[in-house]
Structure formats: structure tokens, C-alpha cells
N, C-alpha and C. Protein backbone atom coordinates (compact mmCIF):
# COMPACT_ATOMS: atom_id res chain seq x y z
N MET A 1 5.62 -57.46 57.80
CA MET A 1 5.27 -57.66 56.05
C MET A 1 4.90 -57.06 55.51
N ASP A 2 5.65 -56.29 54.11
CA ASP A 2 5.11 -55.38 53.25
C ASP A 2 3.70 -55.98 52.76
N ARG A 3 2.63 -54.91 52.24
CA ARG A 3 1.83 -55.27 51.37
C ARG A 3 2.31 -56.46 49.87
N GLY A 4 3.15 -56.23 49.18
CA GLY A 4 3.71 -57.65 48.21
C GLY A 4 3.79 -58.61 48.49
N GLN A 5 4.60 -59.07 50.29
CA GLN A 5 4.25 -60.32 50.76
C GLN A 5 2.86 -61.06 50.68
N ASN A 6 2.31 -60.00 51.54
CA ASN A 6 1.06 -60.36 52.22
C ASN A 6 0.14 -60.97 51.23
N LYS A 7 0.12 -59.85 49.52
CA LYS A 7 -0.81 -60.37 48.40
C LYS A 7 -0.60 -61.70 48.27
N ARG A 8 1.29 -62.13 47.88
CA ARG A 8 1.27 -63.67 47.81
C ARG A 8 0.78 -64.15 48.23
N LEU A 9 0.66 -64.37 49.56
CA LEU A 9 -0.21 -65.26 50.60
C LEU A 9 -1.22 -65.66 50.44
N TYR A 10 -2.51 -64.85 50.32
CA TYR A 10 -3.49 -64.94 49.26
C TYR A 10 -4.00 -64.73 48.17
N GLU A 11 -4.76 -66.56 47.76
CA GLU A 11 -4.83 -66.67 46.24
C GLU A 11 -6.51 -66.06 46.16
N ARG A 12 -6.43 -65.39 45.40
CA ARG A 12 -7.89 -65.21 45.40
C ARG A 12 -8.84 -65.93 43.78
N ILE A 13 -9.35 -65.54 44.66
CA ILE A 13 -10.63 -67.05 44.04
C ILE A 13 -12.12 -66.20 44.08
N VAL A 14 -12.52 -66.11 42.98
CA VAL A 14 -13.79 -64.87 42.31
C VAL A 14 -15.20 -65.83 42.50
N LEU A 15 -16.33 -65.89 43.74
CA LEU A 15 -17.15 -66.98 43.67
C LEU A 15 -18.62 -65.79 43.41
N ASP A 16 -19.24 -66.24 42.10
CA ASP A 16 -20.72 -66.22 42.22
C ASP A 16 -22.25 -66.81 43.19
N SER A 17 -22.69 -66.62 43.35
CA SER A 17 -23.68 -67.29 43.90
C SER A 17 -24.24 -68.69 44.03
N GLU A 18 -24.10 -69.06 42.36
CA GLU A 18 -23.76 -70.57 42.23
C GLU A 18 -23.37 -71.08 42.97
N ARG A 19 -22.11 -70.64 42.73
CA ARG A 19 -20.70 -71.33 43.64
C ARG A 19 -21.25 -72.04 44.64
N ILE A 20 -21.91 -71.08 45.96
CA ILE A 20 -21.70 -71.05 47.09
C ILE A 20 -22.90 -72.02 47.52
N PHE A 21 -22.40 -72.75 48.18
CA PHE A 21 -23.46 -74.06 49.01
C PHE A 21 -23.78 -73.75 50.30
N ASP A 22 -23.55 -73.21 51.09
CA ASP A 22 -23.47 -72.92 52.27
C ASP A 22 -22.75 -72.11 52.40
N LEU A 23 -23.13 -70.57 53.21
CA LEU A 23 -22.74 -69.67 54.05
C LEU A 23 -22.92 -68.97 55.04
N SER A 24 -22.25 -68.48 55.75
CA SER A 24 -22.61 -68.20 57.01
C SER A 24 -21.44 -66.82 57.40
N GLU A 25 -21.79 -66.90 59.18
CA GLU A 25 -20.83 -65.60 59.08
C GLU A 25 -19.27 -66.01 59.64
N GLY A 26 -18.95 -66.97 59.88
CA GLY A 26 -17.85 -67.72 59.94
C GLY A 26 -17.17 -68.49 58.73
N GLY A 27 -18.04 -68.38 57.74
CA GLY A 27 -17.01 -69.13 56.56
C GLY A 27 -18.12 -69.61 55.68
N VAL A 28 -17.78 -70.35 54.33
CA VAL A 28 -18.82 -70.67 53.33
C VAL A 28 -17.84 -72.02 52.68
N TYR A 29 -19.28 -72.72 52.16
CA TYR A 29 -18.84 -73.76 51.93
C TYR A 29 -18.98 -73.85 49.93
N VAL A 30 -17.54 -74.05 49.37
CA VAL A 30 -17.38 -73.53 48.29
C VAL A 30 -17.57 -74.55 47.00
N LYS A 31 -18.80 -74.94 46.28
CA LYS A 31 -18.71 -76.28 45.39
C LYS A 31 -17.40 -76.25 44.34
N THR A 32 -16.94 -76.95 44.10
CA THR A 32 -15.79 -76.87 43.37
C THR A 32 -15.09 -78.36 42.86
N LYS A 33 -14.95 -78.67 41.90
CA LYS A 33 -14.22 -80.05 41.46
C LYS A 33 -12.80 -79.53 41.43
N GLU A 34 -11.96 -78.63 41.75
CA GLU A 34 -10.70 -78.29 42.23
C GLU A 34 -10.37 -77.43 43.12
N PRO A 35 -10.34 -77.84 44.21
CA PRO A 35 -10.74 -77.30 45.28
C PRO A 35 -8.79 -77.57 45.96
N ARG A 36 -9.04 -76.06 46.53
CA ARG A 36 -7.13 -75.26 47.07
C ARG A 36 -6.66 -76.43 47.72
N ARG A 37 -5.54 -76.49 48.50
CA ARG A 37 -4.53 -77.46 49.00
C ARG A 37 -5.22 -76.50 50.83
N LEU A 38 -5.78 -77.89 51.57
CA LEU A 38 -6.01 -77.70 52.69
C LEU A 38 -4.85 -77.09 53.64
N GLY A 39 -5.22 -75.95 54.40
CA GLY A 39 -4.91 -75.38 55.17
C GLY A 39 -4.19 -73.90 53.94
N SER A 40 -4.49 -73.73 52.82
CA SER A 40 -4.03 -72.61 52.59
C SER A 40 -4.96 -71.15 52.34
N LEU A 41 -4.17 -70.44 52.22
CA LEU A 41 -5.32 -68.76 52.45
C LEU A 41 -5.49 -68.64 51.34
N VAL A 42 -6.83 -68.23 51.17
CA VAL A 42 -7.45 -67.68 50.24
C VAL A 42 -8.21 -66.06 50.04
N GLY A 43 -8.32 -65.38 49.15
CA GLY A 43 -9.51 -63.92 49.51
C GLY A 43 -10.48 -64.15 48.74
N LEU A 44 -11.25 -64.10 49.00
CA LEU A 44 -12.70 -64.77 48.32
C LEU A 44 -13.10 -63.15 48.04
N GLU A 45 -13.51 -63.19 47.16
CA GLU A 45 -14.30 -62.45 46.01
C GLU A 45 -15.70 -62.79 45.63
N MET A 46 -16.62 -62.97 46.92
CA MET A 46 -18.25 -62.63 46.56
C MET A 46 -19.47 -62.13 46.16
N LYS A 47 -19.58 -62.57 44.82
CA LYS A 47 -20.68 -61.49 44.39
C LYS A 47 -22.05 -62.05 45.22
N LEU A 48 -22.21 -61.96 45.84
CA LEU A 48 -23.97 -62.29 45.92
C LEU A 48 -25.32 -61.63 45.89
N PHE A 49 -24.77 -60.09 45.04
CA PHE A 49 -25.83 -59.55 44.54
C PHE A 49 -25.52 -59.03 43.68
N GLU A 50 -26.90 -59.08 42.67
CA GLU A 50 -26.63 -58.73 41.16
C GLU A 50 -26.80 -57.41 40.85
N GLY A 51 -25.35 -56.45 40.79
CA GLY A 51 -25.41 -55.02 40.66
C GLY A 51 -24.85 -54.57 42.02
N GLU A 52 -24.23 -55.27 43.21
CA GLU A 52 -23.92 -54.64 43.70
C GLU A 52 -21.53 -54.91 43.62
N ASN A 53 -21.22 -54.49 44.76
CA ASN A 53 -19.97 -54.62 45.05
C ASN A 53 -19.82 -56.11 45.87
N PRO A 54 -18.63 -56.86 45.36
CA PRO A 54 -19.07 -58.29 45.44
C PRO A 54 -17.86 -57.94 47.00
N VAL A 55 -18.36 -58.94 48.32
CA VAL A 55 -17.92 -59.14 49.57
C VAL A 55 -16.24 -59.73 49.95
N LEU A 56 -15.44 -58.78 49.60
CA LEU A 56 -14.27 -59.56 49.72
C LEU A 56 -13.43 -59.72 51.20
N VAL A 57 -13.29 -60.80 51.25
CA VAL A 57 -12.78 -61.65 52.75
C VAL A 57 -11.72 -62.64 52.87
N ARG A 58 -10.82 -62.39 53.57
CA ARG A 58 -9.81 -63.76 53.55
C ARG A 58 -10.11 -64.70 54.06
N GLY A 59 -9.33 -66.16 54.09
CA GLY A 59 -9.74 -66.92 54.91
C GLY A 59 -8.68 -68.55 55.01
N ARG A 60 -8.52 -69.31 55.74
CA ARG A 60 -8.36 -70.55 55.13
C ARG A 60 -9.05 -71.62 54.97
N ILE A 61 -8.52 -72.83 54.01
CA ILE A 61 -9.39 -73.77 53.41
C ILE A 61 -8.85 -74.95 55.39
N ILE A 62 -10.75 -74.65 55.41
CA ILE A 62 -10.74 -76.17 56.77
C ILE A 62 -10.72 -77.37 56.02
N ARG A 63 -11.70 -77.79 55.57
CA ARG A 63 -11.91 -78.90 54.98
C ARG A 63 -11.91 -79.02 53.46
N ILE A 64 -11.96 -80.73 52.94
CA ILE A 64 -11.54 -80.82 51.45
C ILE A 64 -12.27 -81.68 51.55
N ILE A 65 -13.65 -81.84 50.60
CA ILE A 65 -14.24 -83.02 49.79
C ILE A 65 -14.54 -83.84 48.26
N TYR A 66 -13.93 -84.65 48.45
CA TYR A 66 -13.88 -85.04 46.43
C TYR A 66 -14.83 -85.91 45.93
N GLU A 67 -15.47 -86.63 46.86
CA GLU A 67 -16.86 -86.80 46.45
C GLU A 67 -17.49 -86.54 46.85
N LYS A 68 -19.21 -86.52 45.45
CA LYS A 68 -20.45 -86.05 46.26
C LYS A 68 -21.20 -87.26 47.26
N GLY A 69 -21.75 -86.27 48.09
CA GLY A 69 -21.85 -87.48 49.12
C GLY A 69 -21.21 -87.97 50.35
N GLY A 70 -20.43 -86.86 50.16
CA GLY A 70 -19.30 -87.23 50.96
C GLY A 70 -19.85 -86.61 52.65
N LEU A 71 -19.26 -85.95 53.60
CA LEU A 71 -19.53 -85.50 54.41
C LEU A 71 -21.14 -84.27 54.62
N LYS A 72 -21.96 -84.90 55.49
CA LYS A 72 -23.22 -83.78 54.94
C LYS A 72 -23.87 -84.21 53.70
N ARG A 73 -23.88 -84.83 52.86
CA ARG A 73 -23.55 -85.02 51.66
C ARG A 73 -23.81 -83.84 50.77
N LEU A 74 -22.66 -83.01 50.85
CA LEU A 74 -22.04 -82.04 50.56
C LEU A 74 -21.31 -82.35 49.12
N PRO A 75 -21.33 -80.91 47.93
CA PRO A 75 -20.77 -81.77 46.75
C PRO A 75 -19.37 -81.15 46.60
N PRO A 76 -18.73 -82.16 45.86
CA PRO A 76 -17.17 -81.83 45.43
C PRO A 76 -17.50 -80.01 46.09
N GLY A 77 -15.83 -80.20 47.03
CA GLY A 77 -15.41 -78.47 47.28
C GLY A 77 -14.81 -78.50 48.23
N MET A 78 -14.92 -77.59 49.14
CA MET A 78 -14.07 -76.51 49.74
C MET A 78 -14.33 -76.11 51.40
N ALA A 79 -14.26 -75.97 52.04
CA ALA A 79 -14.69 -74.77 53.01
C ALA A 79 -13.74 -73.77 53.43
N VAL A 80 -13.82 -73.10 53.75
CA VAL A 80 -13.67 -72.14 53.98
C VAL A 80 -13.90 -71.13 55.09
N GLN A 81 -12.64 -71.12 56.04
CA GLN A 81 -13.02 -70.10 57.85
C GLN A 81 -12.77 -68.68 57.30
N PHE A 82 -13.52 -67.84 57.76
CA PHE A 82 -13.20 -66.59 57.38
C PHE A 82 -12.52 -65.98 58.17
N ASP A 83 -11.98 -65.22 58.02
CA ASP A 83 -10.55 -64.05 59.20
C ASP A 83 -10.07 -62.81 58.68
N ASN A 84 -11.14 -62.12 60.72
CA ASN A 84 -11.40 -61.25 60.41
C ASN A 84 -12.19 -60.34 59.60
N LEU A 85 -13.80 -60.63 59.60
CA LEU A 85 -14.67 -60.61 58.45
C LEU A 85 -15.23 -59.17 59.59
N SER A 86 -15.46 -58.30 58.53
CA SER A 86 -15.88 -56.82 59.28
C SER A 86 -17.32 -56.81 59.78
N GLU A 87 -17.68 -55.64 59.94
CA GLU A 87 -18.96 -56.00 60.26
C GLU A 87 -20.27 -55.52 59.36
N ALA A 88 -19.14 -54.73 58.33
CA ALA A 88 -20.36 -53.99 57.10
C ALA A 88 -20.07 -55.76 56.23
N ASP A 89 -19.36 -56.43 56.32
CA ASP A 89 -19.47 -57.93 55.18
C ASP A 89 -20.82 -59.03 56.13
N ARG A 90 -20.10 -58.63 57.60
CA ARG A 90 -21.06 -59.96 57.66
C ARG A 90 -22.36 -59.47 57.69
N GLU A 91 -22.96 -58.17 58.12
CA GLU A 91 -24.40 -57.05 57.91
C GLU A 91 -24.66 -57.97 56.88
N ARG A 92 -24.12 -57.78 55.22
CA ARG A 92 -24.25 -58.52 53.73
C ARG A 92 -24.40 -59.85 53.77
N ILE A 93 -24.01 -60.44 54.91
CA ILE A 93 -24.05 -61.89 54.53
C ILE A 93 -24.83 -62.17 55.00
N ARG A 94 -25.39 -61.64 56.05
CA ARG A 94 -27.28 -61.72 56.89
C ARG A 94 -28.54 -61.77 56.01
N THR A 95 -27.44 -60.77 55.30
CA THR A 95 -28.86 -60.35 54.00
C THR A 95 -29.22 -61.09 52.99
N PHE A 96 -27.77 -61.87 52.93
CA PHE A 96 -27.80 -62.43 51.61
C PHE A 96 -28.41 -63.89 52.36
N ILE A 97 -28.29 -64.19 53.57
CA ILE A 97 -28.66 -65.61 54.04
C ILE A 97 -30.43 -65.54 54.20
N SER A 98 -30.64 -64.13 54.87
CA SER A 98 -32.36 -64.32 54.93
C SER A 98 -32.65 -64.21 53.49
N ARG A 99 -32.85 -63.80 52.60
CA ARG A 99 -32.87 -63.39 51.10
C ARG A 99 -33.27 -64.60 51.12
N LYS A 100 -31.85 -65.45 50.62
CA LYS A 100 -32.19 -67.50 50.51
C LYS A 100 -33.48 -67.83 50.89
N LYS A 101 -33.40 -67.92 52.50
CA LYS A 101 -34.43 -68.78 53.20
C LYS A 101 -35.86 -68.05 52.44
N ALA A 102 -36.02 -66.64 52.43
CA ALA A 102 -37.40 -65.90 52.20
C ALA A 102 -37.50 -66.79 50.70
N ALA A 103 -36.43 -67.04 50.24
CA ALA A 103 -36.94 -67.33 48.94
C ALA A 103 -37.04 -69.22 48.94
N GLY A 104 -37.09 -69.74 49.76
CA GLY A 104 -37.04 -71.25 50.36
C GLY A 104 -36.13 -71.72 49.23
N SER A 105 -34.74 -71.12 49.07
CA SER A 105 -33.69 -72.26 48.36
C SER A 105 -32.52 -72.28 49.48
């Protein structure tokens, strides 16, 4: 498959930390009232820290919540399972998670 075809498979979504509801090394839950289709492939550009380059990952939509208070009291949004996360991006995600825990949010 050439790069042109591969680019079309993944819809690019830009996220700031406010739209990230739950983040782990395996995936992210994104707050949105306009989720993509279940099973869709997405390329996420996650802006975790101000002044740093975003984390770029690919993944698949594995869950959609349309109403607040659905599964586990999640807000409307979608869960994305990461595909082949690099070790560098995994470390940046770990850092983000530990800083959020330290800040109490």
C-alpha cells in the first residue's frame, strides 16, 4: 500500500488536554458530541503539554458513548485503542498521567 492510500485510511483528529477524559498507554477516551464511526481508523494529534510537540498516534474507535452518564459515568465521546505506540510516545503519556495524578485531577 502506498503512503497516499494509507493517509486516507486515518482521519486526523487534533486534541488538546481538555478533550482527553481518560488516557492510558493502551488508548484514550475523547470527550466529543460528534464521535466518529465505530471501527474507524483515526490519527490523533494529542497536545499534552504546552510548548511541546504533540504526540502523534494511530488507533481504532472501539467504543462510543452518546449520552452523559452512560458506561462508567463517561461523558459523551469515543474510546480509541492505540495501534503500535512508540516507546517515546509511551513515555510522554506516562509523564502526562503522573503529572495529572500529582495535580489531583
